Amino acid sequence: MFTLARFSEAFLILKAQAVGIPVFLMPLVLVTMNVIYALTSYPVGVLSDRIDRMTVLVVGFALLIAADVVLGFAAGWPAVAFGVVLWGLHMGFTQGPLATLIADTAPPELRGTAFGVFNLFGGVALLVASIVAGLLWDNIGPKGTFIAGAMFATFALAGLIAIRRRAACTSSSNQCENAGRLVTAT
């Protein structure tokens, strides 16, 4: 399954190294992120079954933005640790609900194809994101990389909110009228 973890692992370790965390402690960066991810996945999955999945994803994207901002400005290990925890929370709030949305929306006979297409586009996006992040890291530094990540995540969050409003339009004509007013008013 496509995850941002593969992208984030290298940059989280590089950021930890940039603030002076010793090399022998680098595995703790990944362990921390994955423990937080694992501990939040089940409760968030239960929450996602009880409330709107898009709301859970909005929280996940907000956590990603917060993690990127914290890591962008982190000057020491406590800030990096906090950013890593936020990143793990982001993973817990996004990965399960994203997979569930695919399963919920794809026709049963095309679910395998839907997951394949999702992972194909996710892999291409991961490749492009890694190249851009590497170029930013080399030319601007860690701060530029993580702040750019926060900006991209903000654009993605805005798109998610727009999709959520559009989905509200299709579920009820009254909500559609209200959502239409919100969209045109902004």
C-alpha atoms as a PDB file:
ATOM      1  CA  MET A   1       0.000   0.000   0.000  1.00  0.00           C
ATOM      2  CA  PHE A   2       1.270   3.466  -0.866  1.00  0.00           C
ATOM      3  CA  THR A   3       2.289   5.438   2.167  1.00  0.00           C
ATOM      4  CA  LEU A   4       4.119   8.621   2.772  1.00  0.00           C
ATOM      5  CA  ALA A   5       6.211   6.710   5.291  1.00  0.00           C
ATOM      6  CA  ARG A   6       8.629   5.653   2.552  1.00  0.00           C
ATOM      7  CA  PHE A   7       9.113   9.290   1.595  1.00  0.00           C
ATOM      8  CA  SER A   8       9.257  10.573   5.147  1.00  0.00           C
ATOM      9  CA  GLU A   9      11.693   8.048   6.574  1.00  0.00           C
ATOM     10  CA  ALA A  10      14.717   9.403   4.755  1.00  0.00           C
ATOM     11  CA  PHE A  11      13.879  13.043   5.372  1.00  0.00           C
ATOM     12  CA  LEU A  12      13.000  12.470   9.028  1.00  0.00           C
ATOM     13  CA  ILE A  13      16.385  10.812   9.525  1.00  0.00           C
ATOM     14  CA  LEU A  14      18.174  13.588   7.642  1.00  0.00           C
ATOM     15  CA  LYS A  15      16.408  16.210   9.760  1.00  0.00           C
ATOM     16  CA  ALA A  16      17.324  14.346  12.954  1.00  0.00           C
ATOM     17  CA  GLN A  17      20.926  14.236  11.770  1.00  0.00           C
ATOM     18  CA  ALA A  18      20.828  17.956  10.875  1.00  0.00           C
ATOM     19  CA  VAL A  19      19.906  18.908  14.456  1.00  0.00           C
ATOM     20  CA  GLY A  20      22.692  16.775  15.896  1.00  0.00           C
ATOM     21  CA  ILE A  21      20.963  13.584  16.955  1.00  0.00           C
ATOM     22  CA  PRO A  22      23.695  10.903  17.047  1.00  0.00           C
ATOM     23  CA  VAL A  23      23.655   8.287  14.280  1.00  0.00           C
ATOM     24  CA  PHE A  24      23.158   5.416  16.724  1.00  0.00           C
ATOM     25  CA  LEU A  25      19.823   6.986  17.778  1.00  0.00           C
ATOM     26  CA  MET A  26      18.481   7.305  14.211  1.00  0.00           C
ATOM     27  CA  PRO A  27      16.499   4.033  14.390  1.00  0.00           C
ATOM     28  CA  LEU A  28      14.518   5.600  17.257  1.00  0.00           C
ATOM     29  CA  VAL A  29      13.184   8.189  14.813  1.00  0.00           C
ATOM     30  CA  LEU A  30      11.627   5.454  12.687  1.00  0.00           C
ATOM     31  CA  VAL A  31      10.563   3.369  15.669  1.00  0.00           C
ATOM     32  CA  THR A  32       8.802   6.370  17.222  1.00  0.00           C
ATOM     33  CA  MET A  33       6.963   7.224  14.016  1.00  0.00           C
ATOM     34  CA  ASN A  34       5.871   3.634  13.449  1.00  0.00           C
ATOM     35  CA  VAL A  35       4.814   3.027  17.064  1.00  0.00           C
ATOM     36  CA  ILE A  36       2.623   6.144  16.994  1.00  0.00           C
ATOM     37  CA  TYR A  37       1.245   5.077  13.598  1.00  0.00           C
ATOM     38  CA  ALA A  38       0.491   1.575  14.902  1.00  0.00           C
ATOM     39  CA  LEU A  39      -1.082   2.804  18.144  1.00  0.00           C
ATOM     40  CA  THR A  40      -3.400   5.230  16.355  1.00  0.00           C
ATOM     41  CA  SER A  41      -4.416   3.105  13.367  1.00  0.00           C
ATOM     42  CA  TYR A  42      -6.964   0.923  15.147  1.00  0.00           C
ATOM     43  CA  PRO A  43      -8.711   3.676  17.176  1.00  0.00           C
ATOM     44  CA  VAL A  44      -8.795   5.934  14.118  1.00  0.00           C
ATOM     45  CA  GLY A  45     -10.204   3.066  12.053  1.00  0.00           C
ATOM     46  CA  VAL A  46     -12.994   2.627  14.613  1.00  0.00           C
ATOM     47  CA  LEU A  47     -13.597   6.387  14.559  1.00  0.00           C
ATOM     48  CA  SER A  48     -13.640   6.338  10.753  1.00  0.00           C
ATOM     49  CA  ASP A  49     -16.383   3.693  10.863  1.00  0.00           C
ATOM     50  CA  ARG A  50     -18.507   5.893  13.135  1.00  0.00           C
ATOM     51  CA  ILE A  51     -18.089   9.350  11.615  1.00  0.00           C
ATOM     52  CA  ASP A  52     -17.488  10.747   8.143  1.00  0.00           C
ATOM     53  CA  ARG A  53     -14.198   9.385   6.734  1.00  0.00           C
ATOM     54  CA  MET A  54     -13.501  12.717   5.070  1.00  0.00           C
ATOM     55  CA  THR A  55     -13.477  14.383   8.490  1.00  0.00           C
ATOM     56  CA  VAL A  56     -10.855  11.871   9.641  1.00  0.00           C
ATOM     57  CA  LEU A  57      -8.790  12.616   6.521  1.00  0.00           C
ATOM     58  CA  VAL A  58      -9.056  16.366   7.126  1.00  0.00           C
ATOM     59  CA  VAL A  59      -7.614  15.817  10.614  1.00  0.00           C
ATOM     60  CA  GLY A  60      -4.870  13.656   9.096  1.00  0.00           C
ATOM     61  CA  PHE A  61      -3.900  16.301   6.570  1.00  0.00           C
ATOM     62  CA  ALA A  62      -3.912  18.970   9.293  1.00  0.00           C
ATOM     63  CA  LEU A  63      -1.552  16.750  11.312  1.00  0.00           C
ATOM     64  CA  LEU A  64       0.735  16.446   8.274  1.00  0.00           C
ATOM     65  CA  ILE A  65       0.827  20.221   7.876  1.00  0.00           C
ATOM     66  CA  ALA A  66       1.616  20.620  11.574  1.00  0.00           C
ATOM     67  CA  ALA A  67       4.350  17.952  11.371  1.00  0.00           C
ATOM     68  CA  ASP A  68       5.948  19.650   8.364  1.00  0.00           C
ATOM     69  CA  VAL A  69       5.907  23.063  10.034  1.00  0.00           C
ATOM     70  CA  VAL A  70       7.354  21.694  13.295  1.00  0.00           C
ATOM     71  CA  LEU A  71      10.065  19.784  11.425  1.00  0.00           C
ATOM     72  CA  GLY A  72      10.801  22.762   9.198  1.00  0.00           C
ATOM     73  CA  PHE A  73      11.540  24.986  12.173  1.00  0.00           C
ATOM     74  CA  ALA A  74      12.954  22.313  14.502  1.00  0.00           C
ATOM     75  CA  ALA A  75      16.291  23.338  15.955  1.00  0.00           C
ATOM     76  CA  GLY A  76      16.807  20.529  18.445  1.00  0.00           C
ATOM     77  CA  TRP A  77      15.862  16.969  19.236  1.00  0.00           C
ATOM     78  CA  PRO A  78      12.712  17.771  21.280  1.00  0.00           C
ATOM     79  CA  ALA A  79      11.154  19.573  18.308  1.00  0.00           C
ATOM     80  CA  VAL A  80      12.198  16.805  15.917  1.00  0.00           C
ATOM     81  CA  ALA A  81      10.688  14.225  18.299  1.00  0.00           C
ATOM     82  CA  PHE A  82       7.435  16.201  18.410  1.00  0.00           C
ATOM     83  CA  GLY A  83       7.411  16.447  14.605  1.00  0.00           C
ATOM     84  CA  VAL A  84       7.990  12.700  14.326  1.00  0.00           C
ATOM     85  CA  VAL A  85       5.069  12.039  16.699  1.00  0.00           C
ATOM     86  CA  LEU A  86       2.860  14.319  14.602  1.00  0.00           C
ATOM     87  CA  TRP A  87       3.983  12.487  11.469  1.00  0.00           C
ATOM     88  CA  GLY A  88       3.058   9.139  13.031  1.00  0.00           C
ATOM     89  CA  LEU A  89      -0.348  10.544  13.985  1.00  0.00           C
ATOM     90  CA  HIS A  90      -0.798  11.777  10.421  1.00  0.00           C
ATOM     91  CA  MET A  91      -0.083   8.270   9.131  1.00  0.00           C
ATOM     92  CA  GLY A  92      -2.597   6.761  11.545  1.00  0.00           C
ATOM     93  CA  PHE A  93      -5.268   9.253  10.491  1.00  0.00           C
ATOM     94  CA  THR A  94      -4.787   8.922   6.731  1.00  0.00           C
ATOM     95  CA  GLN A  95      -3.632   5.509   5.563  1.00  0.00           C
ATOM     96  CA  GLY A  96      -6.552   3.356   6.741  1.00  0.00           C
ATOM     97  CA  PRO A  97      -9.290   5.818   5.752  1.00  0.00           C
ATOM     98  CA  LEU A  98      -7.716   6.306   2.308  1.00  0.00           C
ATOM     99  CA  ALA A  99      -7.762   2.562   1.693  1.00  0.00           C
ATOM    100  CA  THR A 100     -11.316   2.345   3.002  1.00  0.00           C
ATOM    101  CA  LEU A 101     -12.480   5.122   0.681  1.00  0.00           C
ATOM    102  CA  ILE A 102     -11.126   3.159  -2.273  1.00  0.00           C
ATOM    103  CA  ALA A 103     -12.886  -0.002  -1.106  1.00  0.00           C
ATOM    104  CA  ASP A 104     -16.098   1.969  -0.450  1.00  0.00           C
ATOM    105  CA  THR A 105     -16.222   3.698  -3.832  1.00  0.00           C
ATOM    106  CA  ALA A 106     -14.878   1.111  -6.270  1.00  0.00           C
ATOM    107  CA  PRO A 107     -17.344  -1.342  -7.785  1.00  0.00           C
ATOM    108  CA  PRO A 108     -16.773  -4.800  -6.245  1.00  0.00           C
ATOM    109  CA  GLU A 109     -15.586  -6.269  -9.544  1.00  0.00           C
ATOM    110  CA  LEU A 110     -12.978  -3.484  -9.934  1.00  0.00           C
ATOM    111  CA  ARG A 111     -11.612  -3.154  -6.386  1.00  0.00           C
ATOM    112  CA  GLY A 112      -8.315  -4.849  -7.229  1.00  0.00           C
ATOM    113  CA  THR A 113      -7.909  -2.572 -10.226  1.00  0.00           C
ATOM    114  CA  ALA A 114      -8.800   0.473  -8.127  1.00  0.00           C
ATOM    115  CA  PHE A 115      -6.136  -0.383  -5.559  1.00  0.00           C
ATOM    116  CA  GLY A 116      -3.654  -1.023  -8.365  1.00  0.00           C
ATOM    117  CA  VAL A 117      -4.353   2.351  -9.980  1.00  0.00           C
ATOM    118  CA  PHE A 118      -4.184   4.051  -6.563  1.00  0.00           C
ATOM    119  CA  ASN A 119      -0.778   2.484  -5.891  1.00  0.00           C
ATOM    120  CA  LEU A 120       0.453   3.261  -9.410  1.00  0.00           C
ATOM    121  CA  PHE A 121      -0.379   6.951  -9.083  1.00  0.00           C
ATOM    122  CA  GLY A 122       0.866   6.935  -5.494  1.00  0.00           C
ATOM    123  CA  GLY A 123       4.196   5.500  -6.609  1.00  0.00           C
ATOM    124  CA  VAL A 124       4.581   8.083  -9.372  1.00  0.00           C
ATOM    125  CA  ALA A 125       3.652  10.864  -6.932  1.00  0.00           C
ATOM    126  CA  LEU A 126       6.155   9.465  -4.425  1.00  0.00           C
ATOM    127  CA  LEU A 127       8.906   9.492  -7.047  1.00  0.00           C
ATOM    128  CA  VAL A 128       8.161  13.088  -8.061  1.00  0.00           C
ATOM    129  CA  ALA A 129       7.812  14.203  -4.424  1.00  0.00           C
ATOM    130  CA  SER A 130      11.134  12.596  -3.503  1.00  0.00           C
ATOM    131  CA  ILE A 131      12.932  14.277  -6.390  1.00  0.00           C
ATOM    132  CA  VAL A 132      11.429  17.676  -5.550  1.00  0.00           C
ATOM    133  CA  ALA A 133      12.178  17.220  -1.841  1.00  0.00           C
ATOM    134  CA  GLY A 134      15.759  16.207  -2.598  1.00  0.00           C
ATOM    135  CA  LEU A 135      16.266  19.231  -4.826  1.00  0.00           C
ATOM    136  CA  LEU A 136      14.785  21.523  -2.178  1.00  0.00           C
ATOM    137  CA  TRP A 137      16.963  19.924   0.501  1.00  0.00           C
ATOM    138  CA  ASP A 138      20.112  20.409  -1.593  1.00  0.00           C
ATOM    139  CA  ASN A 139      19.304  23.975  -2.655  1.00  0.00           C
ATOM    140  CA  ILE A 140      17.386  25.433   0.288  1.00  0.00           C
ATOM    141  CA  GLY A 141      17.887  23.000   3.139  1.00  0.00           C
ATOM    142  CA  PRO A 142      15.646  21.117   5.549  1.00  0.00           C
ATOM    143  CA  LYS A 143      13.477  24.112   6.354  1.00  0.00           C
ATOM    144  CA  GLY A 144      12.604  24.702   2.711  1.00  0.00           C
ATOM    145  CA  THR A 145      11.831  21.025   2.162  1.00  0.00           C
ATOM    146  CA  PHE A 146       9.426  20.727   5.076  1.00  0.00           C
ATOM    147  CA  ILE A 147       7.770  24.111   4.517  1.00  0.00           C
ATOM    148  CA  ALA A 148       7.205  23.187   0.858  1.00  0.00           C
ATOM    149  CA  GLY A 149       5.715  19.901   2.109  1.00  0.00           C
ATOM    150  CA  ALA A 150       3.383  21.879   4.370  1.00  0.00           C
ATOM    151  CA  MET A 151       2.332  24.040   1.416  1.00  0.00           C
ATOM    152  CA  PHE A 152       1.643  21.006  -0.800  1.00  0.00           C
ATOM    153  CA  ALA A 153      -0.314  19.394   2.041  1.00  0.00           C
ATOM    154  CA  THR A 154      -2.304  22.625   2.455  1.00  0.00           C
ATOM    155  CA  PHE A 155      -3.246  22.526  -1.242  1.00  0.00           C
ATOM    156  CA  ALA A 156      -4.234  18.871  -0.866  1.00  0.00           C
ATOM    157  CA  LEU A 157      -6.311  19.721   2.210  1.00  0.00           C
ATOM    158  CA  ALA A 158      -8.072  22.503   0.301  1.00  0.00           C
ATOM    159  CA  GLY A 159      -8.863  20.004  -2.469  1.00  0.00           C
ATOM    160  CA  LEU A 160     -10.140  17.485   0.068  1.00  0.00           C
ATOM    161  CA  ILE A 161     -12.420  20.108   1.606  1.00  0.00           C
ATOM    162  CA  ALA A 162     -13.713  21.038  -1.863  1.00  0.00           C
ATOM    163  CA  ILE A 163     -14.421  17.365  -2.622  1.00  0.00           C
ATOM    164  CA  ARG A 164     -16.149  17.034   0.727  1.00  0.00           C
ATOM    165  CA  ARG A 165     -18.401  19.993  -0.082  1.00  0.00           C
ATOM    166  CA  ARG A 166     -19.181  18.576  -3.511  1.00  0.00           C
ATOM    167  CA  ALA A 167     -20.047  15.215  -1.924  1.00  0.00           C
ATOM    168  CA  ALA A 168     -22.427  17.034   0.401  1.00  0.00           C
ATOM    169  CA  CYS A 169     -24.092  18.500  -2.694  1.00  0.00           C
ATOM    170  CA  THR A 170     -24.822  15.093  -4.128  1.00  0.00           C
ATOM    171  CA  SER A 171     -26.227  13.682  -0.886  1.00  0.00           C
ATOM    172  CA  SER A 172     -28.982  16.270  -0.382  1.00  0.00           C
ATOM    173  CA  SER A 173     -30.318  19.134  -2.455  1.00  0.00           C
ATOM    174  CA  ASN A 174     -30.717  21.301   0.678  1.00  0.00           C
ATOM    175  CA  GLN A 175     -27.094  20.676   1.618  1.00  0.00           C
ATOM    176  CA  CYS A 176     -26.136  21.274  -1.991  1.00  0.00           C
ATOM    177  CA  GLU A 177     -27.715  24.707  -1.919  1.00  0.00           C
ATOM    178  CA  ASN A 178     -25.943  25.513   1.343  1.00  0.00           C
ATOM    179  CA  ALA A 179     -22.631  24.136   0.085  1.00  0.00           C
ATOM    180  CA  GLY A 180     -23.067  26.106  -3.136  1.00  0.00           C
ATOM    181  CA  ARG A 181     -23.496  29.314  -1.160  1.00  0.00           C
ATOM    182  CA  LEU A 182     -20.378  28.505   0.846  1.00  0.00           C
ATOM    183  CA  VAL A 183     -18.359  27.811  -2.281  1.00  0.00           C
ATOM    184  CA  THR A 184     -19.514  30.934  -4.128  1.00  0.00           C
ATOM    185  CA  ALA A 185     -19.129  33.108  -1.041  1.00  0.00           C
ATOM    186  CA  THR A 186     -15.435  32.245  -0.667  1.00  0.00           C
END
